Protein backbone atom coordinates (compact mmCIF):
# COMPACT_ATOMS: atom_id res chain seq x y z
CA UNK A 1 66.05 68.72 79.39
CA UNK A 2 63.47 66.24 79.97
CA UNK A 3 63.38 64.43 83.45
CA UNK A 4 63.94 60.65 83.89
CA UNK A 5 60.28 60.58 85.45
CA UNK A 6 58.77 62.12 82.42
CA UNK A 7 60.55 59.60 80.10
CA UNK A 8 59.53 56.77 82.48
CA UNK A 9 55.96 57.85 82.32
CA UNK A 10 55.99 58.19 78.55
CA UNK A 11 57.47 54.62 78.14
CA UNK A 12 54.89 53.11 80.61
CA UNK A 13 51.95 54.78 78.69
CA UNK A 14 53.37 53.18 75.46
CA UNK A 15 53.59 49.86 76.97
CA UNK A 16 50.13 50.13 78.31
CA UNK A 17 48.70 51.16 74.96
CA UNK A 18 50.44 48.28 73.30
CA UNK A 19 48.97 45.84 75.73
CA UNK A 20 45.74 47.17 75.26
CA UNK A 21 45.95 46.95 71.46
CA UNK A 22 47.29 43.27 71.82
CA UNK A 23 44.35 42.49 74.15
CA UNK A 24 41.99 43.80 71.53
CA UNK A 25 43.43 41.69 68.72
CA UNK A 26 43.29 38.57 70.98
CA UNK A 27 39.64 39.35 71.97
CA UNK A 28 38.68 39.67 68.35
CA UNK A 29 40.54 36.57 67.30
CA UNK A 30 38.84 34.68 70.13
CA UNK A 31 35.51 35.73 69.01
CA UNK A 32 35.98 34.34 65.40
CA UNK A 33 37.40 31.28 66.76
CA UNK A 34 34.65 30.74 69.05
CA UNK A 35 32.06 31.51 66.36
CA UNK A 36 33.85 28.83 64.13
CA UNK A 37 33.93 26.28 66.95
CA UNK A 38 30.38 26.84 68.03
CA UNK A 39 29.12 26.35 64.42
CA UNK A 40 31.20 23.23 64.06
CA UNK A 41 30.67 21.67 67.57
CA UNK A 42 33.16 18.75 67.14
CA UNK A 43 33.20 15.93 69.62
CA UNK A 44 37.02 16.06 69.91
CA UNK A 45 37.72 19.57 71.52
CA UNK A 46 41.39 19.49 70.31
CA UNK A 47 41.09 21.34 67.04
CA UNK A 48 43.93 20.83 64.63
CA UNK A 49 44.35 22.09 60.89
CA UNK A 50 44.16 18.58 59.56
CA UNK A 51 40.96 17.72 61.60
CA UNK A 52 39.12 20.91 60.77
CA UNK A 53 35.48 20.25 59.73
CA UNK A 54 32.98 21.92 57.41
CA UNK A 55 30.73 24.41 59.33
CA UNK A 56 26.86 23.96 59.78
CA UNK A 57 24.35 26.41 60.78
CA UNK A 58 24.59 27.35 64.39
CA UNK A 59 24.04 30.31 66.97
CA UNK A 60 27.36 31.93 66.42
CA UNK A 61 26.13 33.73 63.27
CA UNK A 62 23.22 35.41 64.77
CA UNK A 63 23.25 39.13 64.07
CA UNK A 64 22.32 41.41 67.08
CA UNK A 65 19.72 44.23 66.82
CA UNK A 66 22.52 46.70 67.78
CA UNK A 67 24.46 47.29 64.61
CA UNK A 68 27.66 47.42 66.37
CA UNK A 69 27.19 44.41 68.64
CA UNK A 70 29.58 41.70 67.62
CA UNK A 71 31.80 43.99 65.72
CA UNK A 72 35.48 44.11 66.49
CA UNK A 73 37.52 46.99 65.01
CA UNK A 74 40.80 44.78 64.87
CA UNK A 75 39.15 42.50 62.64
CA UNK A 76 37.66 45.10 60.34
CA UNK A 77 41.23 46.17 59.63
CA UNK A 78 41.92 42.70 58.09
CA UNK A 79 40.14 44.01 55.01
CA UNK A 80 43.11 44.64 52.46
CA UNK A 81 41.34 46.79 50.20
CA UNK A 82 44.18 46.53 47.65
CA UNK A 83 43.52 47.99 44.11
CA UNK A 84 44.20 45.25 41.56
CA UNK A 85 43.49 42.49 44.04
CA UNK A 86 42.90 39.70 41.52
CA UNK A 87 40.95 37.54 44.26
CA UNK A 88 38.53 40.27 45.08
CA UNK A 89 35.62 41.81 43.48
CA UNK A 90 33.88 45.27 44.26
CA UNK A 91 35.35 48.75 44.83
CA UNK A 92 38.49 49.13 47.05
CA UNK A 93 36.64 51.97 48.82
CA UNK A 94 33.15 50.22 49.27
CA UNK A 95 31.68 50.97 52.60
CA UNK A 96 31.46 47.24 53.36
CA UNK A 97 33.82 44.55 52.92
CA UNK A 98 33.13 40.80 53.47
CA UNK A 99 36.56 38.80 53.88
CA UNK A 100 35.81 35.17 53.15
CA UNK A 101 37.82 32.24 54.24
CA UNK A 102 37.16 29.10 52.43
CA UNK A 103 38.17 25.82 50.89
CA UNK A 104 37.11 24.53 47.46
CA UNK A 105 36.66 21.23 48.89
CA UNK A 106 34.13 22.39 51.55
CA UNK A 107 30.60 21.41 50.77
CA UNK A 108 29.11 24.34 52.85
CA UNK A 109 31.55 26.66 51.02
CA UNK A 110 30.12 25.29 47.68
CA UNK A 111 26.51 25.93 48.94
CA UNK A 112 27.37 29.55 49.96
CA UNK A 113 29.03 30.16 46.50
CA UNK A 114 26.10 28.80 44.53
CA UNK A 115 23.00 29.91 46.53
CA UNK A 116 24.00 33.07 48.47
CA UNK A 117 27.03 34.80 47.03
CA UNK A 118 25.56 35.59 43.52
CA UNK A 119 22.65 37.28 45.03
CA UNK A 120 25.00 39.29 47.41
CA UNK A 121 27.08 40.27 44.25
CA UNK A 122 23.94 41.53 42.30
CA UNK A 123 22.51 43.33 45.39
CA UNK A 124 25.43 44.92 46.93
CA UNK A 125 28.73 44.63 44.76
CA UNK A 126 27.21 45.71 41.56
CA UNK A 127 25.75 49.01 43.31
CA UNK A 128 29.24 49.73 45.06
CA UNK A 129 28.15 48.93 48.59
CA UNK A 130 30.07 45.71 49.16
CA UNK A 131 33.58 44.39 48.38
CA UNK A 132 34.29 40.57 48.62
CA UNK A 133 37.82 39.53 49.47
CA UNK A 134 38.58 35.81 49.03
CA UNK A 135 41.19 34.07 51.44
CA UNK A 136 42.35 30.60 50.34
CA UNK A 137 42.03 28.43 53.68
CA UNK A 138 42.75 24.87 52.48
CA UNK A 139 41.96 22.60 55.34
CA UNK A 140 41.05 19.26 53.63
CA UNK A 141 44.64 18.12 52.72
CA UNK A 142 46.82 18.22 49.53
CA UNK A 143 44.10 18.60 47.02
CA UNK A 144 42.63 21.45 48.97
CA UNK A 145 46.11 23.10 48.87
CA UNK A 146 46.41 22.30 45.20
CA UNK A 147 43.10 23.86 43.95
CA UNK A 148 43.88 26.74 46.18
CA UNK A 149 47.10 27.46 44.34
CA UNK A 150 45.29 26.88 41.16
CA UNK A 151 42.68 29.39 41.85
CA UNK A 152 45.48 31.90 42.52
CA UNK A 153 47.02 31.03 39.13
CA UNK A 154 43.65 31.65 37.34
CA UNK A 155 43.53 34.99 39.03
CA UNK A 156 46.97 35.87 37.57
CA UNK A 157 45.04 35.79 34.22
CA UNK A 158 42.05 37.53 35.45
CA UNK A 159 39.88 34.44 35.76
CA UNK A 160 39.73 33.74 39.49
CA UNK A 161 35.90 34.18 39.92
CA UNK A 162 35.22 32.15 36.86
CA UNK A 163 37.60 29.32 38.16
CA UNK A 164 35.70 29.87 41.67
CA UNK A 165 32.27 29.18 39.95
CA UNK A 166 33.46 26.25 38.00
CA UNK A 167 35.42 24.47 41.20
CA UNK A 168 32.07 25.16 43.17
CA UNK A 169 29.60 24.05 40.47
CA UNK A 170 27.40 21.36 41.81
CA UNK A 171 29.22 17.90 41.68
CA UNK A 172 32.62 19.32 40.91
CA UNK A 173 34.33 18.59 44.31
CA UNK A 174 33.20 15.01 43.91
CA UNK A 175 35.42 14.76 40.84
CA UNK A 176 38.44 15.69 42.90
CA UNK A 177 41.13 18.25 42.06
CA UNK A 178 44.07 16.10 40.77
CA UNK A 179 46.31 18.08 38.11
CA UNK A 180 44.41 17.12 35.08
CA UNK A 181 41.13 18.24 36.74
CA UNK A 182 42.61 21.43 37.58
CA UNK A 183 43.44 21.88 34.04
CA UNK A 184 39.98 21.27 32.80
CA UNK A 185 38.54 23.71 35.41
CA UNK A 186 40.97 26.25 34.09
CA UNK A 187 39.98 25.61 30.55
CA UNK A 188 36.29 25.74 31.70
CA UNK A 189 36.91 29.00 33.23
CA UNK A 190 38.44 30.46 30.26
CA UNK A 191 42.04 30.91 31.48
CA UNK A 192 43.78 31.89 28.03
CA UNK A 193 47.14 30.49 28.61
CA UNK A 194 47.13 27.04 30.11
CA UNK A 195 50.90 26.57 30.21
CA UNK A 196 51.30 29.60 32.45
CA UNK A 197 48.45 28.52 34.52
CA UNK A 198 50.15 25.18 35.31
CA UNK A 199 53.42 26.88 35.88
CA UNK A 200 52.08 29.40 38.33
CA UNK A 201 50.02 26.95 40.16
CA UNK A 202 53.23 25.15 40.83
CA UNK A 203 55.34 27.95 41.50
CA UNK A 204 56.53 29.51 44.71
CA UNK A 205 54.26 32.78 44.45
CA UNK A 206 51.06 30.78 44.57
CA UNK A 207 52.41 28.88 47.65
CA UNK A 208 53.34 32.09 49.36
CA UNK A 209 49.92 33.68 48.59
CA UNK A 210 48.08 30.70 50.01
CA UNK A 211 50.40 30.64 53.02
CA UNK A 212 49.82 34.17 53.65
CA UNK A 213 45.84 33.48 53.70
CA UNK A 214 46.23 30.58 56.01
CA UNK A 215 48.45 32.30 58.51
CA UNK A 216 46.00 35.16 58.72
CA UNK A 217 43.05 32.47 59.26
CA UNK A 218 44.96 30.38 61.96
CA UNK A 219 45.90 33.63 63.82
CA UNK A 220 42.15 34.15 64.25
CA UNK A 221 41.52 30.62 65.61
CA UNK A 222 39.61 29.86 62.35
CA UNK A 223 39.36 26.01 62.35
CA UNK A 224 36.36 25.45 60.00
CA UNK A 225 34.93 26.77 56.74
CA UNK A 226 33.39 29.02 55.58
CA UNK A 227 34.16 31.86 57.87
CA UNK A 228 33.44 35.44 57.22
CA UNK A 229 34.29 38.90 58.42
CA UNK A 230 31.80 41.69 57.46
CA UNK A 231 33.25 45.03 58.49
CA UNK A 232 34.62 43.23 61.47
CA UNK A 233 31.70 41.07 62.38
CA UNK A 234 32.56 37.39 62.46
CA UNK A 235 30.11 34.91 60.90
CA UNK A 236 30.54 31.12 60.74
CA UNK A 237 29.01 28.76 58.29
CA UNK A 238 26.85 29.00 55.06
CA UNK A 239 24.11 30.70 56.95
CA UNK A 240 20.56 31.75 55.48
CA UNK A 241 20.57 34.66 52.96
CA UNK A 242 19.05 37.08 55.42
CA UNK A 243 21.89 36.70 57.94
CA UNK A 244 24.41 38.19 55.41
CA UNK A 245 21.63 40.61 54.19
CA UNK A 246 21.03 41.92 57.68
CA UNK A 247 24.91 42.15 58.43
CA UNK A 248 25.71 43.99 55.17
CA UNK A 249 22.89 46.51 55.90
CA UNK A 250 23.76 47.22 59.36
CA UNK A 251 27.46 47.58 58.38
CA UNK A 252 26.65 50.03 55.42
CA UNK A 253 24.50 51.96 57.94
CA UNK A 254 27.25 52.17 60.30
CA UNK A 255 29.77 53.14 57.65
CA UNK A 256 27.52 56.01 56.40
CA UNK A 257 27.45 57.48 59.93
CA UNK A 258 31.34 57.82 60.13
CA UNK A 259 33.33 60.87 59.13
CA UNK A 260 34.54 61.16 55.72
CA UNK A 261 37.50 58.76 55.06
CA UNK A 262 36.56 56.47 57.79
CA UNK A 263 35.99 53.53 55.55
CA UNK A 264 39.56 52.36 56.07
CA UNK A 265 40.03 52.34 52.28
CA UNK A 266 43.62 52.02 51.36
CA UNK A 267 43.36 52.34 47.64
CA UNK A 268 40.84 53.97 45.25
CA UNK A 269 39.72 52.31 42.05
CA UNK A 270 37.65 49.13 41.35
CA UNK A 271 38.04 45.49 41.04
CA UNK A 272 35.46 43.25 39.70
């Protein structure tokens, strides 16, 4: 029969382990929050969701020489790697996952979508190195939330990335994202069933999906867009291409050195 001392010792060890895990998550979240804050540098230090601003270039996104410097394992675990994720592209078991938190009304998000992301897709997604997972993070009011839900609805018919391109086309956000405009974007994206699109965009499932992504982002203290996690490395802002290339290359190199099965893949198969 185990002694009370042994039982108490085990309980204490479990408590210590839980505290350490919690501390690790808090540290990782603080790092991403700091990156976002440093890139934005708002005059008012009180950051609220409705006051979030677009990020600009800043030192927070610099990548260190050490491939593991600035990498947080707890953040890397946020990659969902779900086969069939309609808001992701690339293999679920890709060695590198870039999680992107963005708003369709964000000018810097649009710049990244037009200038940088297509090249990353050609160079890394197409050869199986990189997976990109989108997180809807609307922070610029009701139109932001509406277009986020619409993007999810387009995804239900396999047209998320086409909708993404249409919504981020140069001059698109200046036209606004009212209901009729969202329908135009869906048509432009090749969504086959527009009635279903409209119903899905206004449904509870779309709201729940966006809320899930928002909750995840706010739990990391993200207060500006775009924000990225590349295998647990925070990057804030639409940084130059070489910042992302360097981060992806270092992450891929680190992933190759891990034991088999160490990428954290949950499901096999391919999303594109």
